[in-house]
Protein backbone atom coordinates (compact mmCIF):
# COMPACT_ATOMS: atom_id res chain seq x y z
CA MET A 1 -62.13 58.10 -79.40
CA TYR A 2 -59.36 60.17 -80.95
CA ILE A 3 -58.73 60.99 -84.57
CA ILE A 4 -55.00 61.56 -84.88
CA LEU A 5 -54.07 63.83 -87.79
CA TYR A 6 -50.39 63.77 -88.60
CA ASN A 7 -48.06 65.26 -91.17
CA PRO A 8 -45.44 62.67 -92.21
CA LEU A 9 -43.19 65.43 -93.57
CA SER A 10 -42.86 67.33 -90.28
CA ARG A 11 -39.38 67.53 -88.78
CA ASN A 12 -37.79 66.03 -91.90
CA ARG A 13 -39.86 62.83 -91.65
CA LYS A 14 -38.87 62.14 -88.04
CA ALA A 15 -42.54 62.71 -87.18
CA ARG A 16 -43.18 59.13 -88.32
CA TRP A 17 -41.07 57.81 -85.47
CA LEU A 18 -42.73 60.11 -82.93
CA THR A 19 -46.17 59.20 -84.28
CA LYS A 20 -45.37 55.52 -83.83
CA ARG A 21 -44.47 56.13 -80.18
CA LEU A 22 -47.79 57.93 -79.65
CA VAL A 23 -49.74 55.12 -81.32
CA ASN A 24 -48.06 52.59 -79.02
CA HIS A 25 -49.06 54.76 -76.06
CA PHE A 26 -52.70 54.69 -77.15
CA LYS A 27 -52.57 50.93 -77.59
CA ARG A 28 -51.02 50.35 -74.18
CA ASN A 29 -53.82 52.35 -72.56
CA ASP A 30 -56.58 50.73 -74.65
CA VAL A 31 -57.73 54.08 -76.05
CA PRO A 32 -59.59 53.80 -79.38
CA PHE A 33 -58.15 55.95 -82.15
CA ARG A 34 -57.96 56.43 -85.89
CA LEU A 35 -54.69 57.53 -87.51
CA LYS A 36 -54.94 59.71 -90.60
CA SER A 37 -52.28 61.54 -92.65
CA VAL A 38 -53.37 65.11 -93.42
CA LEU A 39 -51.66 64.71 -96.80
CA LYS A 40 -54.21 62.04 -97.75
CA ILE A 41 -57.29 64.10 -96.91
CA LYS A 42 -58.62 65.83 -100.02
CA ASP A 43 -60.76 68.36 -98.13
CA VAL A 44 -59.63 68.85 -94.53
CA GLU A 45 -62.43 71.33 -93.79
CA GLN A 46 -65.09 68.87 -94.90
CA TYR A 47 -63.37 66.05 -93.01
CA ILE A 48 -63.43 68.04 -89.75
CA LYS A 49 -67.02 69.14 -90.33
CA GLU A 50 -68.21 65.55 -90.77
CA ALA A 51 -66.31 64.16 -87.78
CA PRO A 52 -68.63 63.14 -84.89
CA HIS A 53 -68.75 65.75 -82.14
CA ASP A 54 -67.85 63.24 -79.44
CA VAL A 55 -64.59 62.41 -81.24
CA LYS A 56 -61.48 64.25 -80.05
CA LEU A 57 -59.15 65.63 -82.71
CA LEU A 58 -55.40 65.47 -82.15
CA LEU A 59 -53.12 67.32 -84.58
CA LEU A 60 -49.46 66.30 -84.72
CA GLY A 61 -46.98 68.72 -86.25
CA GLY A 62 -45.08 71.96 -85.86
CA ASP A 63 -45.87 75.57 -86.71
CA GLY A 64 -46.02 74.82 -90.44
CA THR A 65 -48.58 72.05 -89.95
CA ILE A 66 -50.71 74.30 -87.73
CA ASN A 67 -50.43 77.08 -90.32
CA THR A 68 -51.63 74.80 -93.11
CA PHE A 69 -54.43 73.40 -90.94
CA VAL A 70 -55.73 76.88 -90.04
CA ASN A 71 -55.78 77.92 -93.70
CA GLN A 72 -57.58 74.73 -94.71
CA THR A 73 -60.27 75.04 -92.02
CA TYR A 74 -60.67 78.82 -91.73
CA ASN A 75 -64.19 78.84 -93.19
CA LEU A 76 -65.59 76.54 -90.49
CA GLN A 77 -68.23 78.52 -88.63
CA LEU A 78 -67.79 76.84 -85.25
CA PRO A 79 -64.18 75.76 -84.76
CA ARG A 80 -64.03 72.73 -82.50
CA GLU A 81 -61.39 72.07 -79.88
CA ILE A 82 -58.16 70.80 -81.45
CA HIS A 83 -55.54 69.09 -79.31
CA LEU A 84 -51.92 69.69 -80.30
CA MET A 85 -48.76 67.67 -79.91
CA GLY A 86 -45.58 69.24 -81.25
CA VAL A 87 -43.51 67.04 -83.52
CA GLY A 88 -42.21 69.83 -85.75
CA SER A 89 -38.84 71.52 -85.86
CA GLY A 90 -39.81 74.72 -84.03
CA ASN A 91 -43.09 74.24 -82.12
CA ASP A 92 -43.06 77.93 -81.14
CA PHE A 93 -46.84 78.35 -81.06
CA LEU A 94 -47.07 75.32 -78.78
CA ARG A 95 -44.48 76.88 -76.43
CA SER A 96 -46.70 79.92 -75.89
CA LEU A 97 -49.79 77.72 -75.64
CA LYS A 98 -48.23 75.64 -72.85
CA LYS A 99 -47.01 78.70 -70.97
CA GLN A 100 -50.07 80.95 -71.25
CA GLN A 101 -52.89 78.35 -71.50
CA PRO A 102 -55.50 80.63 -73.12
CA LYS A 103 -59.04 79.34 -73.73
CA THR A 104 -59.07 80.66 -77.31
CA GLN A 105 -56.55 82.17 -79.69
CA PRO A 106 -57.21 84.75 -82.44
CA ILE A 107 -56.61 83.71 -86.02
CA LEU A 108 -54.44 86.34 -87.71
CA ARG A 109 -54.19 87.48 -91.32
CA MET A 110 -51.17 88.66 -93.27
CA ARG A 111 -51.90 90.41 -96.57
CA HIS A 112 -49.15 90.54 -99.18
CA ASP A 113 -49.27 91.21 -102.93
CA ASN A 114 -53.09 91.28 -102.88
CA LYS A 115 -53.16 87.85 -101.26
CA SER A 116 -54.02 86.73 -97.75
CA ARG A 117 -52.56 84.06 -95.52
CA PHE A 118 -53.90 83.11 -92.11
CA PHE A 119 -51.56 82.24 -89.25
CA MET A 120 -51.41 81.81 -85.47
CA ASN A 121 -47.99 82.76 -84.14
CA GLY A 122 -45.77 85.24 -85.95
CA SER A 123 -45.03 87.14 -89.13
CA GLY A 124 -42.20 89.30 -90.40
CA LEU A 125 -40.46 91.14 -93.20
CA GLY A 126 -36.81 91.86 -93.95
CA MET A 127 -33.98 89.93 -92.33
CA ASP A 128 -36.53 87.83 -90.44
CA GLY A 129 -37.95 86.57 -93.74
CA ALA A 130 -34.46 86.03 -95.17
CA ILE A 131 -33.57 83.82 -92.19
CA ALA A 132 -36.80 81.82 -92.54
CA HIS A 133 -36.09 81.34 -96.26
CA ARG A 134 -32.57 80.11 -95.54
CA VAL A 135 -33.94 77.62 -92.99
CA SER A 136 -36.54 76.36 -95.47
CA GLN A 137 -33.75 75.65 -97.98
CA SER A 138 -31.66 73.77 -95.44
CA SER A 139 -31.62 69.98 -95.25
CA ARG A 140 -31.68 70.27 -91.46
CA SER A 141 -34.31 71.73 -89.18
CA GLY A 142 -34.66 72.78 -85.56
CA ALA A 143 -33.44 75.52 -83.26
CA PHE A 144 -29.77 75.02 -84.13
CA SER A 145 -30.54 75.26 -87.84
CA TYR A 146 -32.31 78.58 -87.21
CA PHE A 147 -29.38 79.80 -85.11
CA THR A 148 -26.82 79.08 -87.85
CA ALA A 149 -29.09 80.52 -90.56
CA ALA A 150 -29.46 83.71 -88.54
CA LEU A 151 -25.69 84.09 -88.14
CA ARG A 152 -25.13 83.63 -91.87
CA THR A 153 -27.83 86.16 -92.71
CA PHE A 154 -26.36 88.72 -90.27
CA LEU A 155 -23.10 88.68 -92.21
CA THR A 156 -24.70 89.55 -95.55
CA TYR A 157 -27.90 91.48 -94.86
CA ARG A 158 -27.90 95.25 -95.39
CA PRO A 159 -30.44 97.39 -93.48
CA LYS A 160 -32.97 99.34 -95.53
CA TYR A 161 -35.47 102.16 -95.18
CA MET A 162 -38.80 101.01 -93.75
CA GLU A 163 -42.12 102.68 -93.06
CA VAL A 164 -44.48 101.14 -90.53
CA GLU A 165 -48.05 102.29 -90.01
CA ILE A 166 -49.31 101.17 -86.59
CA ASP A 167 -53.01 101.79 -85.95
CA GLY A 168 -52.84 104.81 -88.28
CA GLU A 169 -49.61 106.26 -86.83
CA LEU A 170 -46.63 106.35 -89.22
CA HIS A 171 -43.14 105.42 -88.04
CA LYS A 172 -40.03 105.74 -90.24
CA PHE A 173 -36.80 103.79 -89.86
CA LYS A 174 -33.80 104.74 -91.98
CA LYS A 175 -31.83 101.55 -91.36
CA ALA A 176 -34.20 98.72 -90.48
CA TYR A 177 -33.12 95.11 -90.32
CA LEU A 178 -36.46 93.49 -89.67
CA ILE A 179 -39.96 93.78 -88.36
CA ASN A 180 -41.79 91.05 -86.47
CA ILE A 181 -45.55 91.25 -85.89
CA ASN A 182 -46.43 88.43 -83.52
CA SER A 183 -49.11 86.98 -81.35
CA GLY A 184 -46.81 84.44 -79.71
CA GLU A 185 -43.66 85.01 -77.68
CA TYR A 186 -41.38 82.67 -79.61
CA ILE A 187 -39.91 82.14 -83.06
CA GLY A 188 -37.00 80.10 -84.36
CA GLY A 189 -37.32 77.21 -81.95
CA GLY A 190 -37.39 79.14 -78.68
CA MET A 191 -36.24 82.73 -79.29
CA ARG A 192 -38.35 85.10 -77.15
CA VAL A 193 -38.41 87.80 -79.80
CA THR A 194 -41.68 89.31 -78.53
CA PRO A 195 -41.72 88.46 -74.81
CA ASP A 196 -44.75 90.65 -74.08
CA ALA A 197 -46.98 89.01 -76.70
CA ARG A 198 -50.07 87.12 -75.53
CA ILE A 199 -51.68 84.60 -77.86
CA GLU A 200 -55.16 85.12 -76.41
CA GLU A 201 -55.20 88.84 -77.34
CA ASP A 202 -56.30 90.44 -80.60
CA GLU A 203 -53.51 92.97 -80.05
CA LEU A 204 -50.21 92.10 -81.71
CA GLN A 205 -46.69 92.76 -80.51
CA VAL A 206 -44.58 94.74 -83.00
CA ILE A 207 -40.79 94.79 -82.89
CA VAL A 208 -38.42 96.60 -85.27
CA VAL A 209 -34.65 96.15 -85.13
CA HIS A 210 -32.90 99.20 -86.57
CA ARG A 211 -29.74 101.40 -86.43
CA VAL A 212 -27.68 98.54 -85.01
CA ARG A 213 -23.99 98.44 -85.77
CA ARG A 214 -22.99 95.09 -87.16
CA PHE A 215 -20.74 94.12 -84.25
CA LEU A 216 -23.67 94.59 -81.83
CA ILE A 217 -26.12 92.42 -83.76
CA PHE A 218 -24.65 89.18 -82.48
CA LEU A 219 -24.95 90.33 -78.86
CA ILE A 220 -28.56 91.38 -79.43
CA PHE A 221 -29.24 88.06 -81.09
CA LEU A 222 -27.98 86.13 -78.05
CA SER A 223 -30.08 88.27 -75.69
CA VAL A 224 -33.24 87.35 -77.64
CA TYR A 225 -33.30 83.87 -76.10
CA LEU A 226 -33.90 85.47 -72.69
CA GLY A 227 -36.14 88.26 -73.99
CA LEU A 228 -33.69 90.89 -72.78
CA HIS A 229 -33.21 92.62 -76.14
CA THR A 230 -36.30 94.79 -75.69
CA LYS A 231 -34.43 96.78 -73.02
CA LEU A 232 -32.09 98.12 -75.75
CA ARG A 233 -34.55 100.79 -76.80
CA ARG A 234 -32.05 102.67 -78.91
CA TYR A 235 -32.04 99.77 -81.34
CA ILE A 236 -35.26 97.92 -80.56
CA PHE A 237 -38.63 99.54 -81.21
CA THR A 238 -41.65 97.79 -79.69
CA LYS A 239 -45.33 98.58 -79.62
CA LYS A 240 -48.72 96.90 -79.22
CA ALA A 241 -51.03 97.18 -82.21
CA ARG A 242 -54.26 95.96 -83.78
CA HIS A 243 -53.37 96.75 -87.38
CA VAL A 244 -49.88 97.02 -88.84
CA LYS A 245 -48.72 97.88 -92.34
CA ALA A 246 -44.99 97.60 -93.02
CA THR A 247 -43.27 98.62 -96.25
CA MET A 248 -39.69 98.19 -97.42
CA PHE A 249 -39.18 99.83 -100.80
CA ALA A 250 -37.18 96.97 -102.32
CA PRO A 251 -38.28 93.34 -102.72
CA GLU A 252 -37.79 91.38 -99.51
CA VAL A 253 -38.85 88.01 -98.12
CA ALA A 254 -41.93 88.00 -95.88
CA GLN A 255 -42.92 85.10 -93.66
CA CYS A 256 -45.72 83.95 -91.40
CA ASP A 257 -45.20 80.92 -89.17
CA GLY A 258 -42.15 80.07 -91.27
CA GLU A 259 -43.95 80.09 -94.63
CA CYS A 260 -41.99 82.38 -96.96
CA PHE A 261 -43.12 84.81 -99.65
CA ALA A 262 -40.36 86.20 -101.88
CA LYS A 263 -40.24 89.60 -103.59
CA THR A 264 -42.56 91.27 -101.10
CA LYS A 265 -42.49 94.99 -100.37
CA THR A 266 -45.53 95.44 -98.12
CA ILE A 267 -47.34 93.33 -95.55
CA GLU A 268 -50.46 94.13 -93.53
CA VAL A 269 -51.22 92.18 -90.39
CA SER A 270 -54.28 92.15 -88.15
CA ALA A 271 -56.60 89.79 -86.30
CA THR A 272 -59.50 88.37 -88.32
CA GLY A 273 -62.07 88.34 -85.54
CA LYS A 274 -62.22 84.55 -85.61
CA LYS A 275 -60.93 82.37 -82.81
CA ALA A 276 -59.29 78.97 -82.69
CA LYS A 277 -59.56 76.52 -79.79
CA PHE A 278 -56.20 74.79 -79.57
CA ARG A 279 -55.31 72.74 -76.50
CA VAL A 280 -52.04 71.15 -75.46
CA PHE A 281 -52.32 67.37 -75.64
CA ASP A 282 -51.19 65.65 -72.45
CA LYS A 283 -50.63 61.89 -72.50
CA LYS A 284 -51.14 61.82 -68.73
CA THR A 285 -54.79 62.71 -69.29
CA ILE A 286 -55.24 59.43 -71.15
CA GLU A 287 -53.54 57.47 -68.39
CA LYS A 288 -55.76 59.02 -65.71
CA ASN A 289 -58.96 58.29 -67.60
CA THR A 290 -58.21 54.65 -68.39
């Protein structure tokens, strides 16, 4: 039996249509299931804890839904296997999960303003956060929405001084546009911003875009979709790290898995030591077993 957890607000409510298609698939294959909106569960952690161990859990949603789920269930001592089906606007964590197929994935923590937020895929500060904020305010979602939001932000954003402490080593950037600290390869609906990142590793991939002349930003932006931007080492700083502290000395927008935090000057990112067990849900598996 499957318990299907879905977020009716994912992908601007289009998740309802996709959920209906999945439900019809279960019915056609005579697979028992229970459908439950995560918005109607008062205590998700308790709900997961009380679910029978022989029941399979299927989570429907994008990066934001996964982010919320991880924060709601972080205190579970023995995380059970969670099957994922992407019905969100970005599904970037799922992209890396399908490609790399790791057995477990580290749960990450971003500290900001004396608060903590857990996440799975990526975090950032500076122009990256400003783009995520613009997308969150848009009535549309998806890769094209991120693309247009990025172009608009490029036209107005001014680079700033940034200090980044990576595993105790200080790096200074006079004109930094953004920093990304990621576990996954993708952000923004398919941009390979950190192509060397591996979601099974506790090590994070750090990337800083700096010193770029405005007319070159667009070309760098286009190269991100292929992961070729990291070859432009004059403008792109990359490094593997276990602990990262980034500071911009004026209020900026920070983000992790698309969730935005305004008026942030400093973020600290590291692995928590806890692991998640996410699996890609494959409808063909149902068909083979029925």
